[in-house]
Amino acid sequence: YAYYTLGLAKITGISALWFGLFGNLVVIAFALFVVWMLYPISRAAAYLTIPVIIWTAYASLIVIGEMRLQKLI
């Protein structure tokens, strides 16, 4: 989704990092929902979805670090 964040940044004047962070939060929330729904059906599938949450959280920390460098937060 990096490309649409750049487009939204041009249209709105809001930093693409904000859109990226929001997108990451949506991905994390959806992945948590998927884990919640999968767990009763297939624990293995639920566990295999957890790395998506971990990786996206890590990417979010990088975005937050970049936002701090740019003094956006």
N, C-alpha and C. Protein backbone atom coordinates (compact mmCIF):
# COMPACT_ATOMS: atom_id res chain seq x y z
N TYR A 1 0.80 -1.21 0.00
CA TYR A 1 0.00 0.00 0.00
C TYR A 1 0.84 1.27 0.00
N ALA A 2 2.12 1.12 -0.16
CA ALA A 2 2.99 2.31 -0.14
C ALA A 2 2.62 3.30 -1.24
N TYR A 3 2.20 2.82 -2.39
CA TYR A 3 1.89 3.72 -3.50
C TYR A 3 0.65 4.56 -3.21
N TYR A 4 -0.39 3.96 -2.63
CA TYR A 4 -1.57 4.78 -2.37
C TYR A 4 -1.32 5.77 -1.25
N THR A 5 -0.41 5.47 -0.33
CA THR A 5 -0.12 6.44 0.72
C THR A 5 0.55 7.67 0.14
N LEU A 6 1.38 7.49 -0.88
CA LEU A 6 2.01 8.63 -1.54
C LEU A 6 0.96 9.48 -2.26
N GLY A 7 0.02 8.81 -2.91
CA GLY A 7 -1.06 9.54 -3.59
C GLY A 7 -1.93 10.30 -2.61
N LEU A 8 -2.28 9.64 -1.52
CA LEU A 8 -3.10 10.31 -0.50
C LEU A 8 -2.35 11.48 0.13
N ALA A 9 -1.05 11.34 0.28
CA ALA A 9 -0.25 12.42 0.85
C ALA A 9 -0.29 13.64 -0.07
N LYS A 10 -0.20 13.41 -1.38
CA LYS A 10 -0.25 14.53 -2.32
C LYS A 10 -1.62 15.20 -2.33
N ILE A 11 -2.66 14.41 -2.24
CA ILE A 11 -4.01 14.95 -2.29
C ILE A 11 -4.36 15.72 -1.02
N THR A 12 -3.98 15.16 0.14
CA THR A 12 -4.41 15.73 1.42
C THR A 12 -3.40 16.65 2.07
N GLY A 13 -2.13 16.51 1.72
CA GLY A 13 -1.09 17.29 2.38
C GLY A 13 -0.66 16.69 3.72
N ILE A 14 -1.18 15.52 4.04
CA ILE A 14 -0.81 14.80 5.26
C ILE A 14 0.32 13.83 4.90
N SER A 15 1.29 13.70 5.78
CA SER A 15 2.43 12.83 5.53
C SER A 15 1.99 11.40 5.21
N ALA A 16 2.66 10.79 4.23
CA ALA A 16 2.37 9.40 3.87
C ALA A 16 2.64 8.46 5.04
N LEU A 17 3.50 8.87 5.96
CA LEU A 17 3.80 8.03 7.12
C LEU A 17 2.56 7.82 7.98
N TRP A 18 1.72 8.85 8.08
CA TRP A 18 0.48 8.69 8.86
C TRP A 18 -0.43 7.67 8.21
N PHE A 19 -0.55 7.74 6.89
CA PHE A 19 -1.38 6.76 6.18
C PHE A 19 -0.79 5.36 6.30
N GLY A 20 0.54 5.26 6.23
CA GLY A 20 1.20 3.96 6.39
C GLY A 20 0.98 3.38 7.77
N LEU A 21 1.09 4.23 8.79
CA LEU A 21 0.87 3.75 10.15
C LEU A 21 -0.57 3.30 10.34
N PHE A 22 -1.51 4.09 9.82
CA PHE A 22 -2.92 3.71 9.93
C PHE A 22 -3.17 2.39 9.20
N GLY A 23 -2.58 2.24 8.01
CA GLY A 23 -2.73 0.98 7.26
C GLY A 23 -2.17 -0.20 8.03
N ASN A 24 -1.03 -0.01 8.67
CA ASN A 24 -0.45 -1.08 9.48
C ASN A 24 -1.37 -1.46 10.64
N LEU A 25 -1.97 -0.47 11.27
CA LEU A 25 -2.88 -0.75 12.39
C LEU A 25 -4.11 -1.53 11.91
N VAL A 26 -4.60 -1.19 10.72
CA VAL A 26 -5.73 -1.93 10.15
C VAL A 26 -5.32 -3.38 9.87
N VAL A 27 -4.14 -3.58 9.32
CA VAL A 27 -3.66 -4.94 9.04
C VAL A 27 -3.52 -5.74 10.34
N ILE A 28 -2.97 -5.13 11.37
CA ILE A 28 -2.82 -5.81 12.65
C ILE A 28 -4.18 -6.19 13.22
N ALA A 29 -5.12 -5.25 13.18
CA ALA A 29 -6.47 -5.52 13.71
C ALA A 29 -7.14 -6.65 12.94
N PHE A 30 -7.02 -6.63 11.61
CA PHE A 30 -7.65 -7.67 10.81
C PHE A 30 -6.98 -9.03 11.05
N ALA A 31 -5.66 -9.04 11.17
CA ALA A 31 -4.95 -10.30 11.43
C ALA A 31 -5.34 -10.86 12.81
N LEU A 32 -5.49 -9.98 13.79
CA LEU A 32 -5.96 -10.45 15.10
C LEU A 32 -7.35 -11.06 15.00
N PHE A 33 -8.22 -10.43 14.23
CA PHE A 33 -9.56 -10.96 14.01
C PHE A 33 -9.49 -12.34 13.35
N VAL A 34 -8.63 -12.47 12.35
CA VAL A 34 -8.48 -13.75 11.65
C VAL A 34 -7.98 -14.82 12.62
N VAL A 35 -7.00 -14.48 13.44
CA VAL A 35 -6.50 -15.44 14.43
C VAL A 35 -7.63 -15.85 15.37
N TRP A 36 -8.40 -14.90 15.82
CA TRP A 36 -9.52 -15.15 16.73
C TRP A 36 -10.54 -16.10 16.10
N MET A 37 -10.83 -15.88 14.82
CA MET A 37 -11.82 -16.71 14.14
C MET A 37 -11.26 -18.09 13.78
N LEU A 38 -9.97 -18.16 13.47
CA LEU A 38 -9.37 -19.43 13.06
C LEU A 38 -9.10 -20.37 14.23
N TYR A 39 -8.80 -19.82 15.38
CA TYR A 39 -8.34 -20.63 16.50
C TYR A 39 -9.28 -21.80 16.83
N PRO A 40 -10.59 -21.57 16.91
CA PRO A 40 -11.45 -22.73 17.21
C PRO A 40 -11.50 -23.77 16.09
N ILE A 41 -11.22 -23.35 14.87
CA ILE A 41 -11.30 -24.25 13.72
C ILE A 41 -9.98 -24.97 13.49
N SER A 42 -8.89 -24.19 13.49
CA SER A 42 -7.57 -24.76 13.22
C SER A 42 -6.52 -23.95 13.98
N ARG A 43 -6.03 -24.53 15.05
CA ARG A 43 -5.01 -23.85 15.84
C ARG A 43 -3.75 -23.60 15.02
N ALA A 44 -3.39 -24.56 14.18
CA ALA A 44 -2.19 -24.40 13.36
C ALA A 44 -2.32 -23.20 12.43
N ALA A 45 -3.46 -23.06 11.79
CA ALA A 45 -3.67 -21.92 10.90
C ALA A 45 -3.63 -20.60 11.68
N ALA A 46 -4.20 -20.61 12.86
CA ALA A 46 -4.18 -19.40 13.69
C ALA A 46 -2.74 -19.04 14.06
N TYR A 47 -1.97 -20.03 14.47
CA TYR A 47 -0.58 -19.78 14.84
C TYR A 47 0.24 -19.30 13.64
N LEU A 48 -0.07 -19.80 12.45
CA LEU A 48 0.66 -19.40 11.26
C LEU A 48 0.30 -17.97 10.81
N THR A 49 -0.76 -17.43 11.34
CA THR A 49 -1.15 -16.05 11.02
C THR A 49 -0.46 -15.05 11.95
N ILE A 50 -0.01 -15.50 13.08
CA ILE A 50 0.62 -14.61 14.07
C ILE A 50 1.87 -13.90 13.53
N PRO A 51 2.70 -14.53 12.71
CA PRO A 51 3.86 -13.78 12.17
C PRO A 51 3.47 -12.53 11.38
N VAL A 52 2.29 -12.52 10.78
CA VAL A 52 1.83 -11.32 10.08
C VAL A 52 1.70 -10.17 11.07
N ILE A 53 1.16 -10.46 12.24
CA ILE A 53 0.99 -9.45 13.28
C ILE A 53 2.36 -8.97 13.77
N ILE A 54 3.26 -9.90 14.00
CA ILE A 54 4.59 -9.54 14.50
C ILE A 54 5.34 -8.69 13.48
N TRP A 55 5.33 -9.11 12.22
CA TRP A 55 6.05 -8.37 11.19
C TRP A 55 5.45 -6.97 10.99
N THR A 56 4.14 -6.86 11.00
CA THR A 56 3.49 -5.57 10.80
C THR A 56 3.74 -4.66 12.00
N ALA A 57 3.79 -5.22 13.19
CA ALA A 57 4.12 -4.42 14.37
C ALA A 57 5.55 -3.90 14.27
N TYR A 58 6.46 -4.74 13.81
CA TYR A 58 7.85 -4.33 13.61
C TYR A 58 7.92 -3.20 12.57
N ALA A 59 7.22 -3.37 11.47
CA ALA A 59 7.20 -2.33 10.43
C ALA A 59 6.61 -1.04 10.98
N SER A 60 5.63 -1.15 11.85
CA SER A 60 5.02 0.04 12.46
C SER A 60 6.02 0.77 13.35
N LEU A 61 6.84 0.02 14.05
CA LEU A 61 7.88 0.66 14.87
C LEU A 61 8.87 1.43 14.01
N ILE A 62 9.18 0.90 12.84
CA ILE A 62 10.07 1.60 11.91
C ILE A 62 9.40 2.88 11.42
N VAL A 63 8.12 2.80 11.10
CA VAL A 63 7.38 3.99 10.65
C VAL A 63 7.35 5.04 11.76
N ILE A 64 7.11 4.60 12.99
CA ILE A 64 7.08 5.53 14.13
C ILE A 64 8.45 6.18 14.31
N GLY A 65 9.51 5.40 14.16
CA GLY A 65 10.86 5.97 14.25
C GLY A 65 11.10 7.03 13.19
N GLU A 66 10.65 6.75 11.97
CA GLU A 66 10.80 7.73 10.89
C GLU A 66 9.96 8.98 11.17
N MET A 67 8.78 8.77 11.76
CA MET A 67 7.94 9.91 12.10
C MET A 67 8.60 10.78 13.17
N ARG A 68 9.27 10.15 14.09
CA ARG A 68 10.00 10.91 15.12
C ARG A 68 11.14 11.70 14.50
N LEU A 69 11.87 11.09 13.56
CA LEU A 69 12.97 11.79 12.91
C LEU A 69 12.47 13.02 12.15
N GLN A 70 11.28 12.89 11.57
CA GLN A 70 10.70 14.01 10.81
C GLN A 70 9.89 14.95 11.70
N LYS A 71 9.90 14.69 13.00
CA LYS A 71 9.19 15.51 13.99
C LYS A 71 7.69 15.59 13.71
N LEU A 72 7.13 14.45 13.28
CA LEU A 72 5.69 14.38 13.07
C LEU A 72 4.97 13.96 14.34
N ILE A 73 5.71 13.35 15.26
CA ILE A 73 5.15 12.99 16.57
C ILE A 73 6.15 13.36 17.64
